[in-house]
Amino acid sequence: MRNAMGAILWFVSALSAVAEEPAPLPKEGSSSTITIGSLTAKVLPLGKDRVQFSFEFLGASVSDDGKGLTHNASVRCIGSVHAVNGAYETFTNSCILTRPDGDQLFLTDKGTGRLGGQSQGTSTITGGTGKLAGITGTSEWTRYNVRSALEGTAQTVTRSKLSYKLP
């Protein structure tokens, strides 16, 4: 009987640990993250030197320290690129990062780079939902393309440093 009570107490304490709310976010913070994902694009060739394309990116973000604002967040972005002779003339992108608790972070990107090569840029946090309502901040990032796993897709790895403020 004593062993049964001990097992029940252990089980109840384990359940309460799983249901525990994540630690509250500090009002200000920063983190280094890596985002890995895949994109599909619609391409519009504009002669031999120019190309316009729109894309949708789906991926996941993890923080280097295993915690923080964007750790284990899913990522969805929609953007476009206009390139001349392989170099980005414009690169814009809008993203939603959805945290494990369901709160969302919204951001916009601008960048420079080359088709099929490395790119870099900045992000502006434009808002959020739930505990992230009213959030502001910025990020600097570098994106690397890796060999495509499937024709018609592209896979990328992005390293970023993000800083934010909550109201």
Protein backbone atom coordinates (compact mmCIF):
# COMPACT_ATOMS: atom_id res chain seq x y z
CA MET A 1 0.00 0.00 0.00
CA ARG A 2 2.82 2.34 0.88
CA ASN A 3 4.49 1.76 -2.53
CA ALA A 4 1.17 2.41 -4.29
CA MET A 5 0.78 5.77 -2.49
CA GLY A 6 4.34 6.71 -3.40
CA ALA A 7 3.68 5.88 -7.05
CA ILE A 8 0.48 7.92 -7.04
CA LEU A 9 2.25 10.93 -5.48
CA TRP A 10 5.06 10.67 -8.04
CA PHE A 11 2.53 10.46 -10.90
CA VAL A 12 0.58 13.51 -9.68
CA SER A 13 3.75 15.56 -9.23
CA ALA A 14 4.95 14.54 -12.72
CA LEU A 15 1.62 15.65 -14.22
CA SER A 16 1.77 19.02 -12.48
CA ALA A 17 5.31 19.57 -13.80
CA VAL A 18 4.14 18.92 -17.38
CA ALA A 19 1.19 21.32 -17.02
CA GLU A 20 3.34 24.06 -15.52
CA GLU A 21 3.32 27.41 -17.33
CA PRO A 22 6.59 28.40 -19.00
CA ALA A 23 8.65 30.98 -17.14
CA PRO A 24 7.52 34.55 -17.83
CA LEU A 25 9.53 36.44 -20.41
CA PRO A 26 11.66 39.33 -19.19
CA LYS A 27 10.44 42.78 -20.31
CA GLU A 28 13.62 43.10 -22.40
CA GLY A 29 15.84 40.44 -23.84
CA SER A 30 18.00 39.13 -26.61
CA SER A 31 18.82 35.75 -28.07
CA SER A 32 20.74 34.02 -30.80
CA THR A 33 18.67 31.60 -32.87
CA ILE A 34 18.84 29.25 -35.79
CA THR A 35 15.88 28.78 -38.13
CA ILE A 36 15.76 25.88 -40.56
CA GLY A 37 13.09 25.34 -43.17
CA SER A 38 11.95 24.96 -46.73
CA LEU A 39 10.41 27.28 -49.27
CA THR A 40 8.48 27.01 -52.50
CA ALA A 41 8.50 29.81 -55.07
CA LYS A 42 6.57 31.13 -58.05
CA VAL A 43 9.08 32.48 -60.56
CA LEU A 44 8.50 35.17 -63.21
CA PRO A 45 11.49 35.53 -65.60
CA LEU A 46 11.76 39.10 -66.89
CA GLY A 47 14.15 38.66 -69.80
CA LYS A 48 17.62 37.17 -69.49
CA ASP A 49 18.94 39.42 -66.68
CA ARG A 50 15.95 39.86 -64.34
CA VAL A 51 13.69 37.62 -62.31
CA GLN A 52 10.87 38.25 -59.86
CA PHE A 53 9.64 35.57 -57.51
CA SER A 54 7.33 35.19 -54.57
CA PHE A 55 7.81 32.49 -51.98
CA GLU A 56 6.35 30.84 -48.91
CA PHE A 57 8.72 29.59 -46.22
CA LEU A 58 7.85 27.08 -43.48
CA GLY A 59 10.30 26.19 -40.73
CA ALA A 60 11.19 26.08 -37.06
CA SER A 61 13.34 28.26 -34.82
CA VAL A 62 15.42 27.26 -31.80
CA SER A 63 17.48 29.44 -29.48
CA ASP A 64 21.13 28.66 -28.92
CA ASP A 65 20.53 28.55 -25.15
CA GLY A 66 17.39 26.37 -25.38
CA LYS A 67 14.99 29.01 -24.02
CA GLY A 68 13.68 32.46 -24.77
CA LEU A 69 11.35 34.34 -27.04
CA THR A 70 11.55 32.24 -30.22
CA HIS A 71 12.73 28.87 -28.88
CA ASN A 72 10.76 26.02 -30.49
CA ALA A 73 8.61 28.43 -32.51
CA SER A 74 7.13 27.44 -35.85
CA VAL A 75 7.82 29.95 -38.63
CA ARG A 76 5.76 30.93 -41.69
CA CYS A 77 6.91 33.68 -44.05
CA ILE A 78 5.69 35.06 -47.36
CA GLY A 79 7.97 37.27 -49.39
CA SER A 80 9.34 38.34 -52.73
CA VAL A 81 12.65 38.95 -54.44
CA HIS A 82 13.52 40.96 -57.53
CA ALA A 83 17.00 40.05 -58.82
CA VAL A 84 19.15 41.55 -61.56
CA ASN A 85 22.07 39.46 -62.85
CA GLY A 86 21.63 37.17 -59.83
CA ALA A 87 21.89 39.94 -57.19
CA TYR A 88 18.88 40.93 -55.10
CA GLU A 89 17.61 44.35 -56.09
CA THR A 90 14.83 43.98 -53.50
CA PHE A 91 14.10 41.35 -50.86
CA THR A 92 11.09 41.72 -48.57
CA ASN A 93 9.44 39.20 -46.32
CA SER A 94 6.78 39.07 -43.58
CA CYS A 95 6.73 36.30 -40.97
CA ILE A 96 4.66 34.87 -38.15
CA LEU A 97 6.48 32.91 -35.46
CA THR A 98 4.13 30.83 -33.30
CA ARG A 99 5.50 29.93 -29.88
CA PRO A 100 4.68 26.64 -28.13
CA ASP A 101 2.17 28.51 -25.92
CA GLY A 102 0.32 29.76 -29.06
CA ASP A 103 1.39 33.39 -28.77
CA GLN A 104 2.54 34.84 -32.09
CA LEU A 105 5.32 37.24 -33.05
CA PHE A 106 5.07 39.28 -36.28
CA LEU A 107 8.06 40.62 -38.16
CA THR A 108 9.15 42.02 -41.50
CA ASP A 109 12.51 41.45 -43.21
CA LYS A 110 14.64 43.34 -45.70
CA GLY A 111 17.81 41.88 -47.14
CA THR A 112 20.54 41.69 -49.72
CA GLY A 113 22.19 38.72 -51.36
CA ARG A 114 22.49 36.56 -54.46
CA LEU A 115 20.21 33.93 -55.94
CA GLY A 116 21.24 30.52 -54.60
CA GLY A 117 23.83 32.08 -52.30
CA GLN A 118 24.16 33.67 -48.92
CA SER A 119 21.94 36.60 -47.92
CA GLN A 120 21.82 38.91 -44.96
CA GLY A 121 19.47 41.50 -43.59
CA THR A 122 17.46 42.95 -40.76
CA SER A 123 14.07 42.21 -39.27
CA THR A 124 11.71 44.54 -37.46
CA ILE A 125 9.31 43.11 -34.89
CA THR A 126 5.95 44.70 -35.73
CA GLY A 127 3.79 43.19 -32.97
CA GLY A 128 2.43 40.05 -31.42
CA THR A 129 -0.50 38.33 -29.73
CA GLY A 130 -1.18 37.24 -26.16
CA LYS A 131 1.78 37.94 -23.88
CA LEU A 132 3.61 39.40 -26.91
CA ALA A 133 1.02 42.14 -27.64
CA GLY A 134 2.84 45.46 -28.12
CA ILE A 135 6.29 43.89 -28.49
CA THR A 136 8.96 45.77 -30.45
CA GLY A 137 12.48 44.88 -31.50
CA THR A 138 14.96 44.09 -34.23
CA SER A 139 17.06 41.25 -35.53
CA GLU A 140 20.11 40.87 -37.76
CA TRP A 141 20.37 37.66 -39.75
CA THR A 142 22.45 35.70 -42.22
CA ARG A 143 20.80 33.03 -44.38
CA TYR A 144 22.55 30.12 -46.07
CA ASN A 145 21.08 27.92 -48.77
CA VAL A 146 21.77 24.21 -48.64
CA ARG A 147 21.44 21.69 -51.46
CA SER A 148 17.77 21.24 -52.33
CA ALA A 149 16.16 18.04 -51.09
CA LEU A 150 13.42 18.17 -53.73
CA GLU A 151 13.16 19.87 -57.10
CA GLY A 152 11.01 22.99 -56.91
CA THR A 153 11.94 23.70 -53.28
CA ALA A 154 14.81 25.39 -51.49
CA GLN A 155 16.09 24.70 -47.98
CA THR A 156 17.73 27.34 -45.83
CA VAL A 157 19.50 27.79 -42.52
CA THR A 158 19.30 31.23 -40.90
CA ARG A 159 21.35 32.45 -37.95
CA SER A 160 20.03 35.55 -36.21
CA LYS A 161 20.55 37.78 -33.21
CA LEU A 162 17.30 39.24 -31.91
CA SER A 163 16.54 41.87 -29.27
CA TYR A 164 13.09 42.85 -28.01
CA LYS A 165 11.12 44.98 -25.54
CA LEU A 166 7.69 44.20 -24.11
CA PRO A 167 5.41 47.00 -22.93
